[in-house]
Amino acid sequence: MEKKHQVHNLIILDESGSMESIKTTIIQGFNEIVQTVKGIEKEFIDQEHFISLITFNGIGQKLLHFVDPVQNLNQIDDERYDPTASTPLFDAMGFGLNKLKKHLANETDYNVLVTILTDGEENASKEYSGNEIKKLIEELKLNRWTFTYIGTEHDVEKIALSLSITNTMTFSKNEADMFKMFESEKMARSKYSQNIRFNKETNEDFYKSEETKE
């Protein structure tokens, strides 16, 4: 049986206290993303999709999924996602990126799509600095890693650019805008898999390209 091309979907999700007001919508959105990736894997039969999900706050990081085949995934609920405390974004990114990088050290046939979703700026990291994360991202982008930064209530583009991430989307904390954000996110994932199939650039700004079609 021919080995399929691996596509790793790494989601780094803010679980700080300020996310409490949109907790239900975030849970629904993540569960929809899982269903979307399941559909993409069925459409692109040459690809095998995996999901890793890390949530983070000032208490620490939670590894809810790590390189789990998307077809085996169940939904998350309000017991597994419970926002509280501060926003150690850099520590969560350093933890997640390095863990997946180590896992893929001996692999060659793969792509990685990293999605960071947060409603606030870094304010509590102790292990990693912004500059260290930027250097790590720049290194990984040379090896088929694509980064997206989705945020609200802070200067999303400024923070993303400071980390060498150009693929960004901003949303407001209301149900309609978050629905639109998750719809754009799902379309971007499908386009990403199309680009992998046809060996096209995977580091383009998918979200902006979707907006310009409206």
C-alpha atoms as a PDB file:
ATOM      1  CA  MET A   1       0.000   0.000   0.000  1.00  0.00           C
ATOM      2  CA  GLU A   2       1.423   3.358  -1.042  1.00  0.00           C
ATOM      3  CA  LYS A   3       2.283   5.630   1.863  1.00  0.00           C
ATOM      4  CA  LYS A   4       0.182   8.782   1.974  1.00  0.00           C
ATOM      5  CA  HIS A   5       1.491  12.338   2.346  1.00  0.00           C
ATOM      6  CA  GLN A   6       1.191  13.422   5.975  1.00  0.00           C
ATOM      7  CA  VAL A   7      -0.539  16.706   6.793  1.00  0.00           C
ATOM      8  CA  HIS A   8      -0.195  17.809  10.409  1.00  0.00           C
ATOM      9  CA  ASN A   9      -2.736  20.290  11.761  1.00  0.00           C
ATOM     10  CA  LEU A  10      -1.283  21.848  14.926  1.00  0.00           C
ATOM     11  CA  ILE A  11      -3.731  24.123  16.774  1.00  0.00           C
ATOM     12  CA  ILE A  12      -2.481  26.256  19.669  1.00  0.00           C
ATOM     13  CA  LEU A  13      -5.569  27.552  21.468  1.00  0.00           C
ATOM     14  CA  ASP A  14      -5.678  30.263  24.127  1.00  0.00           C
ATOM     15  CA  GLU A  15      -7.400  29.031  27.305  1.00  0.00           C
ATOM     16  CA  SER A  16      -6.796  32.167  29.390  1.00  0.00           C
ATOM     17  CA  GLY A  17      -9.553  33.728  31.474  1.00  0.00           C
ATOM     18  CA  SER A  18     -10.515  36.348  28.902  1.00  0.00           C
ATOM     19  CA  MET A  19     -11.634  33.567  26.527  1.00  0.00           C
ATOM     20  CA  GLU A  20     -14.469  32.618  28.899  1.00  0.00           C
ATOM     21  CA  SER A  21     -16.979  34.926  27.184  1.00  0.00           C
ATOM     22  CA  ILE A  22     -16.567  33.078  23.861  1.00  0.00           C
ATOM     23  CA  LYS A  23     -15.966  29.621  25.286  1.00  0.00           C
ATOM     24  CA  THR A  24     -19.034  27.987  23.721  1.00  0.00           C
ATOM     25  CA  THR A  25     -18.352  29.420  20.265  1.00  0.00           C
ATOM     26  CA  ILE A  26     -14.674  28.389  20.424  1.00  0.00           C
ATOM     27  CA  ILE A  27     -15.635  24.807  21.322  1.00  0.00           C
ATOM     28  CA  GLN A  28     -18.153  24.689  18.466  1.00  0.00           C
ATOM     29  CA  GLY A  29     -15.585  26.186  16.087  1.00  0.00           C
ATOM     30  CA  PHE A  30     -12.888  23.662  16.957  1.00  0.00           C
ATOM     31  CA  ASN A  31     -15.309  20.776  16.579  1.00  0.00           C
ATOM     32  CA  GLU A  32     -16.304  22.117  13.149  1.00  0.00           C
ATOM     33  CA  ILE A  33     -12.630  22.324  12.158  1.00  0.00           C
ATOM     34  CA  VAL A  34     -12.246  18.636  13.045  1.00  0.00           C
ATOM     35  CA  GLN A  35     -15.205  17.774  10.820  1.00  0.00           C
ATOM     36  CA  THR A  36     -13.728  19.932   8.035  1.00  0.00           C
ATOM     37  CA  VAL A  37     -10.365  18.150   8.219  1.00  0.00           C
ATOM     38  CA  LYS A  38     -12.143  14.783   8.161  1.00  0.00           C
ATOM     39  CA  GLY A  39     -13.893  15.886   4.975  1.00  0.00           C
ATOM     40  CA  ILE A  40     -10.650  17.150   3.444  1.00  0.00           C
ATOM     41  CA  GLU A  41      -8.945  13.821   4.104  1.00  0.00           C
ATOM     42  CA  LYS A  42     -11.768  12.019   2.276  1.00  0.00           C
ATOM     43  CA  GLU A  43     -11.525  14.473  -0.642  1.00  0.00           C
ATOM     44  CA  PHE A  44      -7.735  14.314  -0.904  1.00  0.00           C
ATOM     45  CA  ILE A  45      -7.224  10.571  -0.667  1.00  0.00           C
ATOM     46  CA  ASP A  46      -3.477  10.947  -1.214  1.00  0.00           C
ATOM     47  CA  GLN A  47      -3.207  12.779   2.132  1.00  0.00           C
ATOM     48  CA  GLU A  48      -3.306  11.507   5.714  1.00  0.00           C
ATOM     49  CA  HIS A  49      -4.315  14.184   8.233  1.00  0.00           C
ATOM     50  CA  PHE A  50      -3.349  14.376  11.894  1.00  0.00           C
ATOM     51  CA  ILE A  51      -4.447  16.853  14.557  1.00  0.00           C
ATOM     52  CA  SER A  52      -2.483  18.091  17.553  1.00  0.00           C
ATOM     53  CA  LEU A  53      -4.306  20.427  19.959  1.00  0.00           C
ATOM     54  CA  ILE A  54      -2.577  22.383  22.701  1.00  0.00           C
ATOM     55  CA  THR A  55      -4.462  24.736  24.998  1.00  0.00           C
ATOM     56  CA  PHE A  56      -2.622  27.108  27.294  1.00  0.00           C
ATOM     57  CA  ASN A  57      -2.939  29.552  30.168  1.00  0.00           C
ATOM     58  CA  GLY A  58      -0.944  30.676  33.192  1.00  0.00           C
ATOM     59  CA  ILE A  59      -1.421  27.302  34.855  1.00  0.00           C
ATOM     60  CA  GLY A  60       0.350  25.521  32.003  1.00  0.00           C
ATOM     61  CA  GLN A  61      -0.206  23.763  28.692  1.00  0.00           C
ATOM     62  CA  LYS A  62      -2.642  20.927  28.070  1.00  0.00           C
ATOM     63  CA  LEU A  63      -1.913  18.461  25.285  1.00  0.00           C
ATOM     64  CA  LEU A  64      -5.442  17.402  24.337  1.00  0.00           C
ATOM     65  CA  HIS A  65      -4.359  15.715  21.103  1.00  0.00           C
ATOM     66  CA  PHE A  66      -0.936  14.897  19.675  1.00  0.00           C
ATOM     67  CA  VAL A  67      -0.513  13.524  16.140  1.00  0.00           C
ATOM     68  CA  ASP A  68      -3.904  11.862  16.402  1.00  0.00           C
ATOM     69  CA  PRO A  69      -5.412  10.580  13.133  1.00  0.00           C
ATOM     70  CA  VAL A  70      -8.288  12.952  12.406  1.00  0.00           C
ATOM     71  CA  GLN A  71     -10.736  10.090  11.819  1.00  0.00           C
ATOM     72  CA  ASN A  72     -10.266   8.969  15.441  1.00  0.00           C
ATOM     73  CA  LEU A  73     -10.966  12.377  16.988  1.00  0.00           C
ATOM     74  CA  ASN A  74     -13.922  13.089  19.227  1.00  0.00           C
ATOM     75  CA  GLN A  75     -15.351  16.507  20.014  1.00  0.00           C
ATOM     76  CA  ILE A  76     -13.996  18.638  22.837  1.00  0.00           C
ATOM     77  CA  ASP A  77     -16.416  19.955  25.467  1.00  0.00           C
ATOM     78  CA  ASP A  78     -16.543  22.461  28.316  1.00  0.00           C
ATOM     79  CA  GLU A  79     -14.839  20.010  30.673  1.00  0.00           C
ATOM     80  CA  ARG A  80     -11.751  19.773  28.457  1.00  0.00           C
ATOM     81  CA  TYR A  81     -11.699  23.494  27.611  1.00  0.00           C
ATOM     82  CA  ASP A  82     -12.085  25.696  30.709  1.00  0.00           C
ATOM     83  CA  PRO A  83     -10.607  29.223  30.336  1.00  0.00           C
ATOM     84  CA  THR A  84      -8.789  30.756  33.309  1.00  0.00           C
ATOM     85  CA  ALA A  85      -5.613  32.684  34.277  1.00  0.00           C
ATOM     86  CA  SER A  86      -3.080  34.535  32.065  1.00  0.00           C
ATOM     87  CA  THR A  87      -1.629  34.272  28.507  1.00  0.00           C
ATOM     88  CA  PRO A  88       1.845  32.624  28.222  1.00  0.00           C
ATOM     89  CA  LEU A  89       1.644  32.491  24.410  1.00  0.00           C
ATOM     90  CA  PHE A  90       5.362  32.113  23.680  1.00  0.00           C
ATOM     91  CA  ASP A  91       5.748  29.204  26.101  1.00  0.00           C
ATOM     92  CA  ALA A  92       2.800  27.401  24.491  1.00  0.00           C
ATOM     93  CA  MET A  93       4.208  27.954  21.011  1.00  0.00           C
ATOM     94  CA  GLY A  94       7.696  26.834  22.033  1.00  0.00           C
ATOM     95  CA  PHE A  95       6.304  23.716  23.682  1.00  0.00           C
ATOM     96  CA  GLY A  96       4.052  22.750  20.770  1.00  0.00           C
ATOM     97  CA  LEU A  97       6.396  23.583  17.908  1.00  0.00           C
ATOM     98  CA  ASN A  98       9.392  21.822  19.418  1.00  0.00           C
ATOM     99  CA  LYS A  99       7.375  18.733  20.370  1.00  0.00           C
ATOM    100  CA  LEU A 100       6.030  18.301  16.829  1.00  0.00           C
ATOM    101  CA  LYS A 101       9.409  19.189  15.288  1.00  0.00           C
ATOM    102  CA  LYS A 102      11.024  16.394  17.324  1.00  0.00           C
ATOM    103  CA  HIS A 103       8.291  13.948  16.312  1.00  0.00           C
ATOM    104  CA  LEU A 104       8.863  14.708  12.614  1.00  0.00           C
ATOM    105  CA  ALA A 105      12.669  14.653  12.799  1.00  0.00           C
ATOM    106  CA  ASN A 106      12.951  11.442  10.764  1.00  0.00           C
ATOM    107  CA  GLU A 107      10.031  12.115   8.407  1.00  0.00           C
ATOM    108  CA  THR A 108      10.375  13.664   4.946  1.00  0.00           C
ATOM    109  CA  ASP A 109       6.970  13.454   3.271  1.00  0.00           C
ATOM    110  CA  TYR A 110       4.841  15.908   5.265  1.00  0.00           C
ATOM    111  CA  ASN A 111       3.439  19.426   5.603  1.00  0.00           C
ATOM    112  CA  VAL A 112       2.486  21.227   8.803  1.00  0.00           C
ATOM    113  CA  LEU A 113      -0.238  23.856   9.205  1.00  0.00           C
ATOM    114  CA  VAL A 114       0.037  25.685  12.537  1.00  0.00           C
ATOM    115  CA  THR A 115      -2.930  27.757  13.715  1.00  0.00           C
ATOM    116  CA  ILE A 116      -2.646  30.058  16.742  1.00  0.00           C
ATOM    117  CA  LEU A 117      -5.935  31.372  18.123  1.00  0.00           C
ATOM    118  CA  THR A 118      -5.836  33.957  20.914  1.00  0.00           C
ATOM    119  CA  ASP A 119      -7.663  36.995  22.232  1.00  0.00           C
ATOM    120  CA  GLY A 120      -4.706  38.706  23.831  1.00  0.00           C
ATOM    121  CA  GLU A 121      -1.035  39.475  23.754  1.00  0.00           C
ATOM    122  CA  GLU A 122       1.669  37.460  25.457  1.00  0.00           C
ATOM    123  CA  ASN A 123       1.878  38.355  29.156  1.00  0.00           C
ATOM    124  CA  ALA A 124       3.187  35.433  31.182  1.00  0.00           C
ATOM    125  CA  SER A 125       5.840  33.307  29.425  1.00  0.00           C
ATOM    126  CA  LYS A 126       8.860  32.194  31.428  1.00  0.00           C
ATOM    127  CA  GLU A 127      10.672  29.725  29.143  1.00  0.00           C
ATOM    128  CA  TYR A 128      10.629  31.377  25.700  1.00  0.00           C
ATOM    129  CA  SER A 129      11.046  34.937  24.440  1.00  0.00           C
ATOM    130  CA  GLY A 130       9.391  36.411  21.377  1.00  0.00           C
ATOM    131  CA  ASN A 131      12.730  36.495  19.579  1.00  0.00           C
ATOM    132  CA  GLU A 132      13.332  32.789  20.252  1.00  0.00           C
ATOM    133  CA  ILE A 133       9.890  31.931  18.862  1.00  0.00           C
ATOM    134  CA  LYS A 134      10.477  34.111  15.806  1.00  0.00           C
ATOM    135  CA  LYS A 135      13.756  32.315  15.033  1.00  0.00           C
ATOM    136  CA  LEU A 136      12.088  28.924  15.468  1.00  0.00           C
ATOM    137  CA  ILE A 137       9.246  29.888  13.129  1.00  0.00           C
ATOM    138  CA  GLU A 138      11.654  31.188  10.484  1.00  0.00           C
ATOM    139  CA  GLU A 139      13.568  27.894  10.654  1.00  0.00           C
ATOM    140  CA  LEU A 140      10.427  25.764  10.372  1.00  0.00           C
ATOM    141  CA  LYS A 141       8.953  27.784   7.499  1.00  0.00           C
ATOM    142  CA  LEU A 142      11.893  26.609   5.396  1.00  0.00           C
ATOM    143  CA  ASN A 143      10.773  23.010   5.896  1.00  0.00           C
ATOM    144  CA  ARG A 144       7.101  22.974   4.788  1.00  0.00           C
ATOM    145  CA  TRP A 145       5.617  24.509   7.938  1.00  0.00           C
ATOM    146  CA  THR A 146       2.890  27.135   7.398  1.00  0.00           C
ATOM    147  CA  PHE A 147       1.812  29.472  10.197  1.00  0.00           C
ATOM    148  CA  THR A 148      -1.494  31.271  10.728  1.00  0.00           C
ATOM    149  CA  TYR A 149      -2.370  33.683  13.532  1.00  0.00           C
ATOM    150  CA  ILE A 150      -6.038  34.382  14.368  1.00  0.00           C
ATOM    151  CA  GLY A 151      -6.787  36.920  17.065  1.00  0.00           C
ATOM    152  CA  THR A 152      -9.027  39.531  18.611  1.00  0.00           C
ATOM    153  CA  GLU A 153      -8.788  42.504  20.994  1.00  0.00           C
ATOM    154  CA  HIS A 154      -5.118  43.231  20.212  1.00  0.00           C
ATOM    155  CA  ASP A 155      -2.999  44.334  17.255  1.00  0.00           C
ATOM    156  CA  VAL A 156      -3.059  40.964  15.495  1.00  0.00           C
ATOM    157  CA  GLU A 157      -0.971  41.898  12.452  1.00  0.00           C
ATOM    158  CA  LYS A 158       1.698  43.632  14.532  1.00  0.00           C
ATOM    159  CA  ILE A 159       2.131  40.692  16.902  1.00  0.00           C
ATOM    160  CA  ALA A 160       2.071  38.168  14.071  1.00  0.00           C
ATOM    161  CA  LEU A 161       4.658  40.063  12.027  1.00  0.00           C
ATOM    162  CA  SER A 162       6.908  40.307  15.080  1.00  0.00           C
ATOM    163  CA  LEU A 163       6.939  36.485  14.997  1.00  0.00           C
ATOM    164  CA  SER A 164       7.452  36.295  11.186  1.00  0.00           C
ATOM    165  CA  ILE A 165       3.844  35.212  10.616  1.00  0.00           C
ATOM    166  CA  THR A 166       2.124  36.943   7.684  1.00  0.00           C
ATOM    167  CA  ASN A 167      -0.998  34.786   7.436  1.00  0.00           C
ATOM    168  CA  THR A 168      -3.447  36.495   9.821  1.00  0.00           C
ATOM    169  CA  MET A 169      -7.129  37.009  10.532  1.00  0.00           C
ATOM    170  CA  THR A 170      -8.852  39.309  13.022  1.00  0.00           C
ATOM    171  CA  PHE A 171     -12.303  38.739  14.484  1.00  0.00           C
ATOM    172  CA  SER A 172     -14.637  40.433  16.957  1.00  0.00           C
ATOM    173  CA  LYS A 173     -16.111  38.692  19.988  1.00  0.00           C
ATOM    174  CA  ASN A 174     -19.609  38.255  18.655  1.00  0.00           C
ATOM    175  CA  GLU A 175     -21.254  35.135  17.310  1.00  0.00           C
ATOM    176  CA  ALA A 176     -21.757  36.393  13.749  1.00  0.00           C
ATOM    177  CA  ASP A 177     -18.157  37.538  13.301  1.00  0.00           C
ATOM    178  CA  MET A 178     -16.764  34.369  14.850  1.00  0.00           C
ATOM    179  CA  PHE A 179     -18.944  32.254  12.550  1.00  0.00           C
ATOM    180  CA  LYS A 180     -17.493  34.148   9.584  1.00  0.00           C
ATOM    181  CA  MET A 181     -13.974  33.647  10.949  1.00  0.00           C
ATOM    182  CA  PHE A 182     -14.394  29.884  11.295  1.00  0.00           C
ATOM    183  CA  GLU A 183     -15.923  29.675   7.793  1.00  0.00           C
ATOM    184  CA  SER A 184     -12.854  31.456   6.357  1.00  0.00           C
ATOM    185  CA  GLU A 185     -10.609  29.185   8.406  1.00  0.00           C
ATOM    186  CA  LYS A 186     -12.288  26.091   6.969  1.00  0.00           C
ATOM    187  CA  MET A 187     -12.002  27.349   3.376  1.00  0.00           C
ATOM    188  CA  ALA A 188      -8.328  28.102   3.961  1.00  0.00           C
ATOM    189  CA  ARG A 189      -7.677  24.513   5.071  1.00  0.00           C
ATOM    190  CA  SER A 190      -9.223  23.148   1.901  1.00  0.00           C
ATOM    191  CA  LYS A 191      -7.128  25.517  -0.219  1.00  0.00           C
ATOM    192  CA  TYR A 192      -4.033  24.486   1.724  1.00  0.00           C
ATOM    193  CA  SER A 193      -4.590  20.812   0.856  1.00  0.00           C
ATOM    194  CA  GLN A 194      -5.193  21.739  -2.797  1.00  0.00           C
ATOM    195  CA  ASN A 195      -1.872  23.564  -2.882  1.00  0.00           C
ATOM    196  CA  ILE A 196      -0.082  20.582  -1.360  1.00  0.00           C
ATOM    197  CA  ARG A 197      -1.556  18.288  -4.024  1.00  0.00           C
ATOM    198  CA  PHE A 198      -0.418  20.553  -6.858  1.00  0.00           C
ATOM    199  CA  ASN A 199       2.952  21.445  -5.259  1.00  0.00           C
ATOM    200  CA  LYS A 200       2.050  25.126  -4.963  1.00  0.00           C
ATOM    201  CA  GLU A 201       3.239  27.632  -2.362  1.00  0.00           C
ATOM    202  CA  THR A 202       1.710  26.882   1.059  1.00  0.00           C
ATOM    203  CA  ASN A 203       2.884  29.994   2.919  1.00  0.00           C
ATOM    204  CA  GLU A 204       0.584  32.486   1.162  1.00  0.00           C
ATOM    205  CA  ASP A 205      -1.922  34.516   3.174  1.00  0.00           C
ATOM    206  CA  PHE A 206      -5.006  32.348   2.675  1.00  0.00           C
ATOM    207  CA  TYR A 207      -7.288  34.555   4.740  1.00  0.00           C
ATOM    208  CA  LYS A 208      -6.550  37.739   2.844  1.00  0.00           C
ATOM    209  CA  SER A 209      -6.953  35.947  -0.468  1.00  0.00           C
ATOM    210  CA  GLU A 210     -10.392  34.774   0.662  1.00  0.00           C
ATOM    211  CA  GLU A 211     -11.389  38.302   1.707  1.00  0.00           C
ATOM    212  CA  THR A 212     -10.452  39.792  -1.642  1.00  0.00           C
ATOM    213  CA  LYS A 213     -12.891  37.423  -3.378  1.00  0.00           C
ATOM    214  CA  GLU A 214     -15.887  38.970  -1.603  1.00  0.00           C
END
